[in-house]
Amino acid sequence: MNKIKVVVEALDALKLKDIIVYDMRERSPFFDFFVLSTATNTRQLQAAIRHLKNDLAAAKFDLPNVEGTHSNAWILMDAKEVVVNIFTEEERKFYNIEKMWLDVPTIAMDRL
């Protein structure tokens, strides 16, 4: 199974909302996919860290670097070719990162 599929399936299994996968393969030399998702509360945000690490390890991928482990608002995971951002609803609205990527193609979850 490829890494982006492991990541998206883990987020979906945790019932994170508004998952968007941006296809950055033609845009960035640093990563292939940029993922945005929303946690409904801080408990779900913290659970996402554990589940993503466990699922990536189970699939034999390196563990991601995580920023914001003690944050109650925004987690950034760098899994090399996949960058994952998990926000609370308020933080996602505040930063509105989607605005930066309006011209970047997205990938439907069922196409991964």
Protein backbone atom coordinates (compact mmCIF):
# COMPACT_ATOMS: atom_id res chain seq x y z
CA MET A 1 0.00 0.00 0.00
CA ASN A 2 1.34 3.45 -0.81
CA LYS A 3 1.98 6.04 1.89
CA ILE A 4 -0.69 8.55 0.86
CA LYS A 5 -3.33 5.83 0.98
CA VAL A 6 -2.22 4.78 4.49
CA VAL A 7 -2.42 8.40 5.65
CA VAL A 8 -5.84 9.13 4.16
CA GLU A 9 -7.33 5.86 5.37
CA ALA A 10 -6.09 6.58 8.90
CA LEU A 11 -7.62 10.06 8.86
CA ASP A 12 -10.86 8.74 7.44
CA ALA A 13 -11.04 5.92 10.01
CA LEU A 14 -10.75 8.54 12.77
CA LYS A 15 -13.66 10.44 11.20
CA LEU A 16 -11.66 13.58 10.56
CA LYS A 17 -13.61 16.04 8.45
CA ASP A 18 -12.99 17.83 5.18
CA ILE A 19 -9.98 15.78 4.10
CA ILE A 20 -8.33 17.31 1.03
CA VAL A 21 -5.34 15.82 -0.78
CA TYR A 22 -3.40 18.21 -2.99
CA ASP A 23 -1.29 16.70 -5.75
CA MET A 24 2.01 18.54 -5.52
CA ARG A 25 4.08 16.23 -7.73
CA GLU A 26 4.34 18.82 -10.51
CA ARG A 27 4.65 21.76 -8.11
CA SER A 28 7.06 20.95 -5.33
CA PRO A 29 10.51 19.35 -5.27
CA PHE A 30 10.09 18.64 -1.54
CA PHE A 31 6.88 16.62 -1.26
CA ASP A 32 4.31 14.89 -3.47
CA PHE A 33 1.11 15.32 -1.46
CA PHE A 34 -0.20 17.98 0.90
CA VAL A 35 -3.08 16.85 3.09
CA LEU A 36 -5.48 19.04 5.04
CA SER A 37 -8.03 17.71 7.52
CA THR A 38 -10.12 18.90 10.45
CA ALA A 39 -10.43 17.38 13.89
CA THR A 40 -13.65 18.10 15.72
CA ASN A 41 -11.89 18.36 19.10
CA THR A 42 -8.43 18.25 20.68
CA ARG A 43 -8.82 14.64 21.72
CA GLN A 44 -9.34 13.62 18.10
CA LEU A 45 -6.38 15.78 17.10
CA GLN A 46 -4.09 13.94 19.51
CA ALA A 47 -5.51 10.54 18.53
CA ALA A 48 -4.65 11.29 14.90
CA ILE A 49 -0.95 11.53 15.79
CA ARG A 50 -0.93 8.10 17.42
CA HIS A 51 -2.96 6.45 14.68
CA LEU A 52 -0.92 7.90 11.84
CA LYS A 53 2.34 6.85 13.46
CA ASN A 54 1.03 3.35 14.18
CA ASP A 55 -0.46 2.87 10.72
CA LEU A 56 2.67 4.11 8.94
CA ALA A 57 4.87 1.85 11.09
CA ALA A 58 2.60 -1.13 10.44
CA ALA A 59 2.92 -0.47 6.70
CA LYS A 60 6.74 -0.40 7.11
CA PHE A 61 7.16 3.33 6.46
CA ASP A 62 9.48 5.58 8.46
CA LEU A 63 7.85 7.46 11.31
CA PRO A 64 6.93 11.04 10.44
CA ASN A 65 8.36 14.11 12.10
CA VAL A 66 5.61 15.82 14.04
CA GLU A 67 5.32 19.48 15.02
CA GLY A 68 2.67 20.62 17.45
CA THR A 69 2.35 17.47 19.53
CA HIS A 70 1.41 19.60 22.51
CA SER A 71 -0.83 21.88 20.49
CA ASN A 72 -4.56 21.86 20.86
CA ALA A 73 -5.10 23.50 17.48
CA TRP A 74 -2.76 22.38 14.67
CA ILE A 75 -0.56 19.38 14.01
CA LEU A 76 1.96 19.22 11.15
CA MET A 77 3.34 15.83 10.15
CA ASP A 78 6.21 15.53 7.73
CA ALA A 79 6.23 12.03 6.30
CA LYS A 80 8.75 12.97 3.60
CA GLU A 81 6.70 12.87 0.39
CA VAL A 82 3.45 13.41 2.31
CA VAL A 83 2.85 16.50 4.47
CA VAL A 84 -0.20 16.27 6.73
CA ASN A 85 -1.90 19.18 8.47
CA ILE A 86 -4.61 18.51 11.03
CA PHE A 87 -6.45 21.53 12.37
CA THR A 88 -9.28 22.17 14.75
CA GLU A 89 -12.20 23.81 12.97
CA GLU A 90 -11.40 27.28 14.34
CA GLU A 91 -7.74 27.11 13.32
CA ARG A 92 -8.52 25.84 9.84
CA LYS A 93 -10.91 28.72 9.27
CA PHE A 94 -8.42 31.22 10.68
CA TYR A 95 -5.44 30.13 8.54
CA ASN A 96 -7.50 29.26 5.44
CA ILE A 97 -4.59 27.42 3.84
CA GLU A 98 -6.85 26.25 1.01
CA LYS A 99 -6.68 29.81 -0.33
CA MET A 100 -2.99 29.27 -1.13
CA TRP A 101 -3.65 26.13 -3.15
CA LEU A 102 -6.60 27.21 -5.32
CA ASP A 103 -4.75 26.37 -8.53
CA VAL A 104 -3.36 23.02 -7.29
CA PRO A 105 -5.21 19.87 -8.35
CA THR A 106 -6.78 17.72 -5.68
CA ILE A 107 -7.12 13.96 -5.64
CA ALA A 108 -10.36 12.27 -4.64
CA MET A 109 -9.94 9.80 -1.81
CA ASP A 110 -11.34 6.96 -3.90
CA ARG A 111 -8.63 7.60 -6.55
CA LEU A 112 -5.66 7.01 -4.25
